[in-house]
């Protein structure tokens, strides 16, 4: 549980921002700041 918060934060950001899934994320009509802030907020939660 303690390590998952770190590993999953890294995994989710990497997968959704710089892999194939990133193509879809970056085509959304959303600013880069919103992408980062949403992931940061959820990671903190």
ModelCIF file with pLDDT and N, C-alpha, C, O atoms, coordinates in Angstrom:
data_MODEL
#
_entry.id   MODEL 
#
_entity.id                         1 
_entity.type                       polymer 
_entity.pdbx_number_of_molecules   1 
#
_entity_poly.entity_id                      1 
_entity_poly.type                           'polypeptide(L)' 
_entity_poly.nstd_linkage                   no 
_entity_poly.nstd_monomer                   no 
_entity_poly.pdbx_seq_one_letter_code       
;(UNK)(UNK)(UNK)(UNK)(UNK)(UNK)(UNK)(UNK)(UNK)(UNK)(UNK)(UNK)(UNK)(UNK)(UNK)(UNK)
(UNK)(UNK)(UNK)(UNK)(UNK)(UNK)(UNK)(UNK)(UNK)(UNK)(UNK)(UNK)(UNK)(UNK)(UNK)(UNK)
(UNK)(UNK)(UNK)(UNK)(UNK)(UNK)(UNK)(UNK)(UNK)(UNK)(UNK)(UNK)(UNK)
;
_entity_poly.pdbx_seq_one_letter_code_can   XXXXXXXXXXXXXXXXXXXXXXXXXXXXXXXXXXXXXXXXXXXXX 
_entity_poly.pdbx_strand_id                 A 
#
loop_
_entity_poly_seq.entity_id 
_entity_poly_seq.num 
_entity_poly_seq.mon_id 
_entity_poly_seq.hetero 
1 1  UNK n 
1 2  UNK n 
1 3  UNK n 
1 4  UNK n 
1 5  UNK n 
1 6  UNK n 
1 7  UNK n 
1 8  UNK n 
1 9  UNK n 
1 10 UNK n 
1 11 UNK n 
1 12 UNK n 
1 13 UNK n 
1 14 UNK n 
1 15 UNK n 
1 16 UNK n 
1 17 UNK n 
1 18 UNK n 
1 19 UNK n 
1 20 UNK n 
1 21 UNK n 
1 22 UNK n 
1 23 UNK n 
1 24 UNK n 
1 25 UNK n 
1 26 UNK n 
1 27 UNK n 
1 28 UNK n 
1 29 UNK n 
1 30 UNK n 
1 31 UNK n 
1 32 UNK n 
1 33 UNK n 
1 34 UNK n 
1 35 UNK n 
1 36 UNK n 
1 37 UNK n 
1 38 UNK n 
1 39 UNK n 
1 40 UNK n 
1 41 UNK n 
1 42 UNK n 
1 43 UNK n 
1 44 UNK n 
1 45 UNK n 
#
_struct_asym.id          A 
_struct_asym.entity_id   1 
#
loop_
_ma_qa_metric.id 
_ma_qa_metric.mode 
_ma_qa_metric.name 
_ma_qa_metric.software_group_id 
_ma_qa_metric.type 
1 global pLDDT . pLDDT 
2 local  pLDDT . pLDDT 
#
_ma_qa_metric_global.metric_id      1 
_ma_qa_metric_global.metric_value   79.13 
_ma_qa_metric_global.model_id       1 
_ma_qa_metric_global.ordinal_id     1 
#
loop_
_ma_qa_metric_local.label_asym_id 
_ma_qa_metric_local.label_comp_id 
_ma_qa_metric_local.label_seq_id 
_ma_qa_metric_local.metric_id 
_ma_qa_metric_local.metric_value 
_ma_qa_metric_local.model_id 
_ma_qa_metric_local.ordinal_id 
A UNK 1  2 88.00 1 1  
A UNK 2  2 86.00 1 2  
A UNK 3  2 86.00 1 3  
A UNK 4  2 81.00 1 4  
A UNK 5  2 80.00 1 5  
A UNK 6  2 84.00 1 6  
A UNK 7  2 86.00 1 7  
A UNK 8  2 86.00 1 8  
A UNK 9  2 85.00 1 9  
A UNK 10 2 86.00 1 10 
A UNK 11 2 85.00 1 11 
A UNK 12 2 84.00 1 12 
A UNK 13 2 85.00 1 13 
A UNK 14 2 83.00 1 14 
A UNK 15 2 81.00 1 15 
A UNK 16 2 78.00 1 16 
A UNK 17 2 78.00 1 17 
A UNK 18 2 77.00 1 18 
A UNK 19 2 71.00 1 19 
A UNK 20 2 64.00 1 20 
A UNK 21 2 64.00 1 21 
A UNK 22 2 61.00 1 22 
A UNK 23 2 59.00 1 23 
A UNK 24 2 63.00 1 24 
A UNK 25 2 64.00 1 25 
A UNK 26 2 60.00 1 26 
A UNK 27 2 64.00 1 27 
A UNK 28 2 66.00 1 28 
A UNK 29 2 68.00 1 29 
A UNK 30 2 72.00 1 30 
A UNK 31 2 78.00 1 31 
A UNK 32 2 79.00 1 32 
A UNK 33 2 82.00 1 33 
A UNK 34 2 83.00 1 34 
A UNK 35 2 82.00 1 35 
A UNK 36 2 86.00 1 36 
A UNK 37 2 85.00 1 37 
A UNK 38 2 87.00 1 38 
A UNK 39 2 88.00 1 39 
A UNK 40 2 89.00 1 40 
A UNK 41 2 89.00 1 41 
A UNK 42 2 90.00 1 42 
A UNK 43 2 89.00 1 43 
A UNK 44 2 89.00 1 44 
A UNK 45 2 90.00 1 45 
#
loop_
_atom_site.group_PDB 
_atom_site.id 
_atom_site.type_symbol 
_atom_site.label_atom_id 
_atom_site.label_alt_id 
_atom_site.label_comp_id 
_atom_site.label_asym_id 
_atom_site.label_entity_id 
_atom_site.label_seq_id 
_atom_site.pdbx_PDB_ins_code 
_atom_site.Cartn_x 
_atom_site.Cartn_y 
_atom_site.Cartn_z 
_atom_site.occupancy 
_atom_site.B_iso_or_equiv 
_atom_site.pdbx_formal_charge 
_atom_site.auth_seq_id 
_atom_site.auth_comp_id 
_atom_site.auth_asym_id 
_atom_site.auth_atom_id 
_atom_site.pdbx_PDB_model_num 
ATOM 1   N N  . UNK A 1 1  ? 0.841  -1.204 0.000   1.00 88.00 ? 1  UNK A N  1 
ATOM 2   C CA . UNK A 1 1  ? 0.000  0.000  0.000   1.00 88.00 ? 1  UNK A CA 1 
ATOM 3   C C  . UNK A 1 1  ? 0.874  1.251  0.000   1.00 88.00 ? 1  UNK A C  1 
ATOM 4   O O  . UNK A 1 1  ? 0.594  2.211  -0.718  1.00 88.00 ? 1  UNK A O  1 
ATOM 5   N N  . UNK A 1 2  ? 1.936  1.235  0.810   1.00 86.00 ? 2  UNK A N  1 
ATOM 6   C CA . UNK A 1 2  ? 2.819  2.398  0.891   1.00 86.00 ? 2  UNK A CA 1 
ATOM 7   C C  . UNK A 1 2  ? 3.566  2.638  -0.411  1.00 86.00 ? 2  UNK A C  1 
ATOM 8   O O  . UNK A 1 2  ? 3.707  3.780  -0.848  1.00 86.00 ? 2  UNK A O  1 
ATOM 9   N N  . UNK A 1 3  ? 4.042  1.573  -1.028  1.00 86.00 ? 3  UNK A N  1 
ATOM 10  C CA . UNK A 1 3  ? 4.824  1.725  -2.259  1.00 86.00 ? 3  UNK A CA 1 
ATOM 11  C C  . UNK A 1 3  ? 3.953  1.900  -3.491  1.00 86.00 ? 3  UNK A C  1 
ATOM 12  O O  . UNK A 1 3  ? 4.390  2.469  -4.492  1.00 86.00 ? 3  UNK A O  1 
ATOM 13  N N  . UNK A 1 4  ? 2.704  1.405  -3.416  1.00 81.00 ? 4  UNK A N  1 
ATOM 14  C CA . UNK A 1 4  ? 1.827  1.488  -4.589  1.00 81.00 ? 4  UNK A CA 1 
ATOM 15  C C  . UNK A 1 4  ? 1.542  2.924  -4.977  1.00 81.00 ? 4  UNK A C  1 
ATOM 16  O O  . UNK A 1 4  ? 1.446  3.246  -6.161  1.00 81.00 ? 4  UNK A O  1 
ATOM 17  N N  . UNK A 1 5  ? 1.406  3.791  -3.980  1.00 80.00 ? 5  UNK A N  1 
ATOM 18  C CA . UNK A 1 5  ? 1.099  5.192  -4.286  1.00 80.00 ? 5  UNK A CA 1 
ATOM 19  C C  . UNK A 1 5  ? 2.210  5.821  -5.116  1.00 80.00 ? 5  UNK A C  1 
ATOM 20  O O  . UNK A 1 5  ? 1.949  6.697  -5.940  1.00 80.00 ? 5  UNK A O  1 
ATOM 21  N N  . UNK A 1 6  ? 3.447  5.379  -4.905  1.00 84.00 ? 6  UNK A N  1 
ATOM 22  C CA . UNK A 1 6  ? 4.568  5.903  -5.685  1.00 84.00 ? 6  UNK A CA 1 
ATOM 23  C C  . UNK A 1 6  ? 4.614  5.243  -7.055  1.00 84.00 ? 6  UNK A C  1 
ATOM 24  O O  . UNK A 1 6  ? 4.667  5.921  -8.081  1.00 84.00 ? 6  UNK A O  1 
ATOM 25  N N  . UNK A 1 7  ? 4.593  3.908  -7.062  1.00 86.00 ? 7  UNK A N  1 
ATOM 26  C CA . UNK A 1 7  ? 4.758  3.174  -8.318  1.00 86.00 ? 7  UNK A CA 1 
ATOM 27  C C  . UNK A 1 7  ? 3.609  3.434  -9.287  1.00 86.00 ? 7  UNK A C  1 
ATOM 28  O O  . UNK A 1 7  ? 3.827  3.599  -10.487 1.00 86.00 ? 7  UNK A O  1 
ATOM 29  N N  . UNK A 1 8  ? 2.386  3.470  -8.760  1.00 86.00 ? 8  UNK A N  1 
ATOM 30  C CA . UNK A 1 8  ? 1.237  3.683  -9.639  1.00 86.00 ? 8  UNK A CA 1 
ATOM 31  C C  . UNK A 1 8  ? 1.171  5.126  -10.148 1.00 86.00 ? 8  UNK A C  1 
ATOM 32  O O  . UNK A 1 8  ? 0.718  5.369  -11.267 1.00 86.00 ? 8  UNK A O  1 
ATOM 33  N N  . UNK A 1 9  ? 1.615  6.069  -9.339  1.00 85.00 ? 9  UNK A N  1 
ATOM 34  C CA . UNK A 1 9  ? 1.686  7.465  -9.795  1.00 85.00 ? 9  UNK A CA 1 
ATOM 35  C C  . UNK A 1 9  ? 2.622  7.568  -10.997 1.00 85.00 ? 9  UNK A C  1 
ATOM 36  O O  . UNK A 1 9  ? 2.296  8.199  -12.003 1.00 85.00 ? 9  UNK A O  1 
ATOM 37  N N  . UNK A 1 10 ? 3.794  6.935  -10.875 1.00 86.00 ? 10 UNK A N  1 
ATOM 38  C CA . UNK A 1 10 ? 4.758  6.957  -11.976 1.00 86.00 ? 10 UNK A CA 1 
ATOM 39  C C  . UNK A 1 10 ? 4.199  6.228  -13.193 1.00 86.00 ? 10 UNK A C  1 
ATOM 40  O O  . UNK A 1 10 ? 4.279  6.718  -14.320 1.00 86.00 ? 10 UNK A O  1 
ATOM 41  N N  . UNK A 1 11 ? 3.630  5.044  -12.943 1.00 85.00 ? 11 UNK A N  1 
ATOM 42  C CA . UNK A 1 11 ? 3.110  4.220  -14.043 1.00 85.00 ? 11 UNK A CA 1 
ATOM 43  C C  . UNK A 1 11 ? 2.009  4.935  -14.798 1.00 85.00 ? 11 UNK A C  1 
ATOM 44  O O  . UNK A 1 11 ? 2.020  4.962  -16.029 1.00 85.00 ? 11 UNK A O  1 
ATOM 45  N N  . UNK A 1 12 ? 1.049  5.520  -14.072 1.00 84.00 ? 12 UNK A N  1 
ATOM 46  C CA . UNK A 1 12 ? -0.086 6.171  -14.730 1.00 84.00 ? 12 UNK A CA 1 
ATOM 47  C C  . UNK A 1 12 ? 0.361  7.383  -15.536 1.00 84.00 ? 12 UNK A C  1 
ATOM 48  O O  . UNK A 1 12 ? -0.100 7.582  -16.660 1.00 84.00 ? 12 UNK A O  1 
ATOM 49  N N  . UNK A 1 13 ? 1.239  8.183  -14.984 1.00 85.00 ? 13 UNK A N  1 
ATOM 50  C CA . UNK A 1 13 ? 1.679  9.377  -15.709 1.00 85.00 ? 13 UNK A CA 1 
ATOM 51  C C  . UNK A 1 13 ? 2.465  8.983  -16.948 1.00 85.00 ? 13 UNK A C  1 
ATOM 52  O O  . UNK A 1 13 ? 2.253  9.541  -18.024 1.00 85.00 ? 13 UNK A O  1 
ATOM 53  N N  . UNK A 1 14 ? 3.371  8.025  -16.800 1.00 83.00 ? 14 UNK A N  1 
ATOM 54  C CA . UNK A 1 14 ? 4.177  7.597  -17.938 1.00 83.00 ? 14 UNK A CA 1 
ATOM 55  C C  . UNK A 1 14 ? 3.303  6.996  -19.031 1.00 83.00 ? 14 UNK A C  1 
ATOM 56  O O  . UNK A 1 14 ? 3.453  7.329  -20.207 1.00 83.00 ? 14 UNK A O  1 
ATOM 57  N N  . UNK A 1 15 ? 2.404  6.124  -18.647 1.00 81.00 ? 15 UNK A N  1 
ATOM 58  C CA . UNK A 1 15 ? 1.573  5.442  -19.642 1.00 81.00 ? 15 UNK A CA 1 
ATOM 59  C C  . UNK A 1 15 ? 0.640  6.410  -20.360 1.00 81.00 ? 15 UNK A C  1 
ATOM 60  O O  . UNK A 1 15 ? 0.467  6.323  -21.575 1.00 81.00 ? 15 UNK A O  1 
ATOM 61  N N  . UNK A 1 16 ? 0.045  7.324  -19.616 1.00 78.00 ? 16 UNK A N  1 
ATOM 62  C CA . UNK A 1 16 ? -0.976 8.183  -20.215 1.00 78.00 ? 16 UNK A CA 1 
ATOM 63  C C  . UNK A 1 16 ? -0.420 9.422  -20.899 1.00 78.00 ? 16 UNK A C  1 
ATOM 64  O O  . UNK A 1 16 ? -1.151 10.138 -21.581 1.00 78.00 ? 16 UNK A O  1 
ATOM 65  N N  . UNK A 1 17 ? 0.890  9.679  -20.716 1.00 78.00 ? 17 UNK A N  1 
ATOM 66  C CA . UNK A 1 17 ? 1.444  10.904 -21.282 1.00 78.00 ? 17 UNK A CA 1 
ATOM 67  C C  . UNK A 1 17 ? 2.511  10.680 -22.341 1.00 78.00 ? 17 UNK A C  1 
ATOM 68  O O  . UNK A 1 17 ? 2.684  11.528 -23.216 1.00 78.00 ? 17 UNK A O  1 
ATOM 69  N N  . UNK A 1 18 ? 3.237  9.558  -22.290 1.00 77.00 ? 18 UNK A N  1 
ATOM 70  C CA . UNK A 1 18 ? 4.355  9.399  -23.229 1.00 77.00 ? 18 UNK A CA 1 
ATOM 71  C C  . UNK A 1 18 ? 4.335  8.081  -23.994 1.00 77.00 ? 18 UNK A C  1 
ATOM 72  O O  . UNK A 1 18 ? 5.253  7.823  -24.772 1.00 77.00 ? 18 UNK A O  1 
ATOM 73  N N  . UNK A 1 19 ? 3.328  7.244  -23.805 1.00 71.00 ? 19 UNK A N  1 
ATOM 74  C CA . UNK A 1 19 ? 3.218  6.015  -24.581 1.00 71.00 ? 19 UNK A CA 1 
ATOM 75  C C  . UNK A 1 19 ? 2.109  6.182  -25.616 1.00 71.00 ? 19 UNK A C  1 
ATOM 76  O O  . UNK A 1 19 ? 1.684  7.301  -25.903 1.00 71.00 ? 19 UNK A O  1 
ATOM 77  N N  . UNK A 1 20 ? 1.641  5.059  -26.180 1.00 64.00 ? 20 UNK A N  1 
ATOM 78  C CA . UNK A 1 20 ? 0.594  5.133  -27.188 1.00 64.00 ? 20 UNK A CA 1 
ATOM 79  C C  . UNK A 1 20 ? -0.661 5.829  -26.671 1.00 64.00 ? 20 UNK A C  1 
ATOM 80  O O  . UNK A 1 20 ? -1.342 6.539  -27.411 1.00 64.00 ? 20 UNK A O  1 
ATOM 81  N N  . UNK A 1 21 ? -0.957 5.612  -25.383 1.00 64.00 ? 21 UNK A N  1 
ATOM 82  C CA . UNK A 1 21 ? -2.118 6.268  -24.798 1.00 64.00 ? 21 UNK A CA 1 
ATOM 83  C C  . UNK A 1 21 ? -1.965 7.787  -24.811 1.00 64.00 ? 21 UNK A C  1 
ATOM 84  O O  . UNK A 1 21 ? -2.953 8.521  -24.821 1.00 64.00 ? 21 UNK A O  1 
ATOM 85  N N  . UNK A 1 22 ? -0.711 8.250  -24.809 1.00 61.00 ? 22 UNK A N  1 
ATOM 86  C CA . UNK A 1 22 ? -0.447 9.676  -24.843 1.00 61.00 ? 22 UNK A CA 1 
ATOM 87  C C  . UNK A 1 22 ? -0.957 10.352 -26.101 1.00 61.00 ? 22 UNK A C  1 
ATOM 88  O O  . UNK A 1 22 ? -1.326 11.526 -26.071 1.00 61.00 ? 22 UNK A O  1 
ATOM 89  N N  . UNK A 1 23 ? -0.980 9.615  -27.217 1.00 59.00 ? 23 UNK A N  1 
ATOM 90  C CA . UNK A 1 23 ? -1.514 10.191 -28.454 1.00 59.00 ? 23 UNK A CA 1 
ATOM 91  C C  . UNK A 1 23 ? -2.946 10.646 -28.248 1.00 59.00 ? 23 UNK A C  1 
ATOM 92  O O  . UNK A 1 23 ? -3.321 11.744 -28.658 1.00 59.00 ? 23 UNK A O  1 
ATOM 93  N N  . UNK A 1 24 ? -3.747 9.799  -27.612 1.00 63.00 ? 24 UNK A N  1 
ATOM 94  C CA . UNK A 1 24 ? -5.148 10.133 -27.377 1.00 63.00 ? 24 UNK A CA 1 
ATOM 95  C C  . UNK A 1 24 ? -5.283 11.286 -26.387 1.00 63.00 ? 24 UNK A C  1 
ATOM 96  O O  . UNK A 1 24 ? -6.085 12.197 -26.591 1.00 63.00 ? 24 UNK A O  1 
ATOM 97  N N  . UNK A 1 25 ? -4.493 11.239 -25.313 1.00 64.00 ? 25 UNK A N  1 
ATOM 98  C CA . UNK A 1 25 ? -4.590 12.269 -24.286 1.00 64.00 ? 25 UNK A CA 1 
ATOM 99  C C  . UNK A 1 25 ? -4.257 13.649 -24.848 1.00 64.00 ? 25 UNK A C  1 
ATOM 100 O O  . UNK A 1 25 ? -4.908 14.637 -24.510 1.00 64.00 ? 25 UNK A O  1 
ATOM 101 N N  . UNK A 1 26 ? -3.242 13.710 -25.706 1.00 60.00 ? 26 UNK A N  1 
ATOM 102 C CA . UNK A 1 26 ? -2.790 15.003 -26.207 1.00 60.00 ? 26 UNK A CA 1 
ATOM 103 C C  . UNK A 1 26 ? -3.636 15.532 -27.356 1.00 60.00 ? 26 UNK A C  1 
ATOM 104 O O  . UNK A 1 26 ? -3.475 16.679 -27.774 1.00 60.00 ? 26 UNK A O  1 
ATOM 105 N N  . UNK A 1 27 ? -4.540 14.694 -27.870 1.00 64.00 ? 27 UNK A N  1 
ATOM 106 C CA . UNK A 1 27 ? -5.468 15.187 -28.902 1.00 64.00 ? 27 UNK A CA 1 
ATOM 107 C C  . UNK A 1 27 ? -6.730 15.777 -28.293 1.00 64.00 ? 27 UNK A C  1 
ATOM 108 O O  . UNK A 1 27 ? -7.529 16.392 -29.000 1.00 64.00 ? 27 UNK A O  1 
ATOM 109 N N  . UNK A 1 28 ? -6.919 15.598 -26.988 1.00 66.00 ? 28 UNK A N  1 
ATOM 110 C CA . UNK A 1 28 ? -8.094 16.170 -26.331 1.00 66.00 ? 28 UNK A CA 1 
ATOM 111 C C  . UNK A 1 28 ? -7.974 17.697 -26.282 1.00 66.00 ? 28 UNK A C  1 
ATOM 112 O O  . UNK A 1 28 ? -6.875 18.239 -26.163 1.00 66.00 ? 28 UNK A O  1 
ATOM 113 N N  . UNK A 1 29 ? -9.120 18.383 -26.375 1.00 68.00 ? 29 UNK A N  1 
ATOM 114 C CA . UNK A 1 29 ? -9.088 19.861 -26.317 1.00 68.00 ? 29 UNK A CA 1 
ATOM 115 C C  . UNK A 1 29 ? -8.886 20.371 -24.891 1.00 68.00 ? 29 UNK A C  1 
ATOM 116 O O  . UNK A 1 29 ? -9.713 21.106 -24.351 1.00 68.00 ? 29 UNK A O  1 
ATOM 117 N N  . UNK A 1 30 ? -7.772 19.964 -24.300 1.00 72.00 ? 30 UNK A N  1 
ATOM 118 C CA . UNK A 1 30 ? -7.468 20.308 -22.910 1.00 72.00 ? 30 UNK A CA 1 
ATOM 119 C C  . UNK A 1 30 ? -6.023 20.788 -22.849 1.00 72.00 ? 30 UNK A C  1 
ATOM 120 O O  . UNK A 1 30 ? -5.159 20.258 -23.548 1.00 72.00 ? 30 UNK A O  1 
ATOM 121 N N  . UNK A 1 31 ? -5.763 21.774 -22.028 1.00 78.00 ? 31 UNK A N  1 
ATOM 122 C CA . UNK A 1 31 ? -4.407 22.300 -21.900 1.00 78.00 ? 31 UNK A CA 1 
ATOM 123 C C  . UNK A 1 31 ? -3.502 21.298 -21.191 1.00 78.00 ? 31 UNK A C  1 
ATOM 124 O O  . UNK A 1 31 ? -3.957 20.440 -20.435 1.00 78.00 ? 31 UNK A O  1 
ATOM 125 N N  . UNK A 1 32 ? -2.212 21.437 -21.462 1.00 79.00 ? 32 UNK A N  1 
ATOM 126 C CA . UNK A 1 32 ? -1.235 20.572 -20.793 1.00 79.00 ? 32 UNK A CA 1 
ATOM 127 C C  . UNK A 1 32 ? -1.280 20.771 -19.282 1.00 79.00 ? 32 UNK A C  1 
ATOM 128 O O  . UNK A 1 32 ? -1.128 19.818 -18.518 1.00 79.00 ? 32 UNK A O  1 
ATOM 129 N N  . UNK A 1 33 ? -1.489 22.012 -18.860 1.00 82.00 ? 33 UNK A N  1 
ATOM 130 C CA . UNK A 1 33 ? -1.580 22.297 -17.425 1.00 82.00 ? 33 UNK A CA 1 
ATOM 131 C C  . UNK A 1 33 ? -2.714 21.502 -16.774 1.00 82.00 ? 33 UNK A C  1 
ATOM 132 O O  . UNK A 1 33 ? -2.566 21.008 -15.656 1.00 82.00 ? 33 UNK A O  1 
ATOM 133 N N  . UNK A 1 34 ? -3.840 21.381 -17.471 1.00 83.00 ? 34 UNK A N  1 
ATOM 134 C CA . UNK A 1 34 ? -4.986 20.649 -16.921 1.00 83.00 ? 34 UNK A CA 1 
ATOM 135 C C  . UNK A 1 34 ? -4.660 19.165 -16.787 1.00 83.00 ? 34 UNK A C  1 
ATOM 136 O O  . UNK A 1 34 ? -5.024 18.528 -15.799 1.00 83.00 ? 34 UNK A O  1 
ATOM 137 N N  . UNK A 1 35 ? -3.970 18.619 -17.791 1.00 82.00 ? 35 UNK A N  1 
ATOM 138 C CA . UNK A 1 35 ? -3.558 17.214 -17.710 1.00 82.00 ? 35 UNK A CA 1 
ATOM 139 C C  . UNK A 1 35 ? -2.677 16.987 -16.479 1.00 82.00 ? 35 UNK A C  1 
ATOM 140 O O  . UNK A 1 35 ? -2.912 16.070 -15.692 1.00 82.00 ? 35 UNK A O  1 
ATOM 141 N N  . UNK A 1 36 ? -1.671 17.830 -16.331 1.00 86.00 ? 36 UNK A N  1 
ATOM 142 C CA . UNK A 1 36 ? -0.735 17.666 -15.215 1.00 86.00 ? 36 UNK A CA 1 
ATOM 143 C C  . UNK A 1 36 ? -1.443 17.875 -13.880 1.00 86.00 ? 36 UNK A C  1 
ATOM 144 O O  . UNK A 1 36 ? -1.258 17.097 -12.943 1.00 86.00 ? 36 UNK A O  1 
ATOM 145 N N  . UNK A 1 37 ? -2.256 18.933 -13.797 1.00 85.00 ? 37 UNK A N  1 
ATOM 146 C CA . UNK A 1 37 ? -2.915 19.246 -12.536 1.00 85.00 ? 37 UNK A CA 1 
ATOM 147 C C  . UNK A 1 37 ? -3.896 18.152 -12.129 1.00 85.00 ? 37 UNK A C  1 
ATOM 148 O O  . UNK A 1 37 ? -3.983 17.814 -10.948 1.00 85.00 ? 37 UNK A O  1 
ATOM 149 N N  . UNK A 1 38 ? -4.639 17.592 -13.091 1.00 87.00 ? 38 UNK A N  1 
ATOM 150 C CA . UNK A 1 38 ? -5.593 16.535 -12.766 1.00 87.00 ? 38 UNK A CA 1 
ATOM 151 C C  . UNK A 1 38 ? -4.876 15.302 -12.235 1.00 87.00 ? 38 UNK A C  1 
ATOM 152 O O  . UNK A 1 38 ? -5.321 14.690 -11.264 1.00 87.00 ? 38 UNK A O  1 
ATOM 153 N N  . UNK A 1 39 ? -3.776 14.942 -12.866 1.00 88.00 ? 39 UNK A N  1 
ATOM 154 C CA . UNK A 1 39 ? -3.022 13.772 -12.414 1.00 88.00 ? 39 UNK A CA 1 
ATOM 155 C C  . UNK A 1 39 ? -2.360 14.032 -11.062 1.00 88.00 ? 39 UNK A C  1 
ATOM 156 O O  . UNK A 1 39 ? -2.285 13.142 -10.215 1.00 88.00 ? 39 UNK A O  1 
ATOM 157 N N  . UNK A 1 40 ? -1.882 15.257 -10.872 1.00 89.00 ? 40 UNK A N  1 
ATOM 158 C CA . UNK A 1 40 ? -1.262 15.620 -9.597  1.00 89.00 ? 40 UNK A CA 1 
ATOM 159 C C  . UNK A 1 40 ? -2.277 15.575 -8.467  1.00 89.00 ? 40 UNK A C  1 
ATOM 160 O O  . UNK A 1 40 ? -1.973 15.074 -7.384  1.00 89.00 ? 40 UNK A O  1 
ATOM 161 N N  . UNK A 1 41 ? -3.469 16.086 -8.700  1.00 89.00 ? 41 UNK A N  1 
ATOM 162 C CA . UNK A 1 41 ? -4.509 16.093 -7.671  1.00 89.00 ? 41 UNK A CA 1 
ATOM 163 C C  . UNK A 1 41 ? -4.919 14.682 -7.293  1.00 89.00 ? 41 UNK A C  1 
ATOM 164 O O  . UNK A 1 41 ? -5.028 14.357 -6.111  1.00 89.00 ? 41 UNK A O  1 
ATOM 165 N N  . UNK A 1 42 ? -5.147 13.839 -8.298  1.00 90.00 ? 42 UNK A N  1 
ATOM 166 C CA . UNK A 1 42 ? -5.555 12.462 -8.036  1.00 90.00 ? 42 UNK A CA 1 
ATOM 167 C C  . UNK A 1 42 ? -4.432 11.697 -7.333  1.00 90.00 ? 42 UNK A C  1 
ATOM 168 O O  . UNK A 1 42 ? -4.686 10.913 -6.419  1.00 90.00 ? 42 UNK A O  1 
ATOM 169 N N  . UNK A 1 43 ? -3.192 11.927 -7.764  1.00 89.00 ? 43 UNK A N  1 
ATOM 170 C CA . UNK A 1 43 ? -2.056 11.266 -7.114  1.00 89.00 ? 43 UNK A CA 1 
ATOM 171 C C  . UNK A 1 43 ? -1.974 11.652 -5.644  1.00 89.00 ? 43 UNK A C  1 
ATOM 172 O O  . UNK A 1 43 ? -1.683 10.812 -4.793  1.00 89.00 ? 43 UNK A O  1 
ATOM 173 N N  . UNK A 1 44 ? -2.231 12.918 -5.345  1.00 89.00 ? 44 UNK A N  1 
ATOM 174 C CA . UNK A 1 44 ? -2.194 13.381 -3.953  1.00 89.00 ? 44 UNK A CA 1 
ATOM 175 C C  . UNK A 1 44 ? -3.321 12.756 -3.132  1.00 89.00 ? 44 UNK A C  1 
ATOM 176 O O  . UNK A 1 44 ? -3.130 12.404 -1.968  1.00 89.00 ? 44 UNK A O  1 
ATOM 177 N N  . UNK A 1 45 ? -4.482 12.624 -3.740  1.00 90.00 ? 45 UNK A N  1 
ATOM 178 C CA . UNK A 1 45 ? -5.616 11.987 -3.053  1.00 90.00 ? 45 UNK A CA 1 
ATOM 179 C C  . UNK A 1 45 ? -5.271 10.562 -2.659  1.00 90.00 ? 45 UNK A C  1 
ATOM 180 O O  . UNK A 1 45 ? -6.098 9.866  -2.071  1.00 90.00 ? 45 UNK A O  1 
#
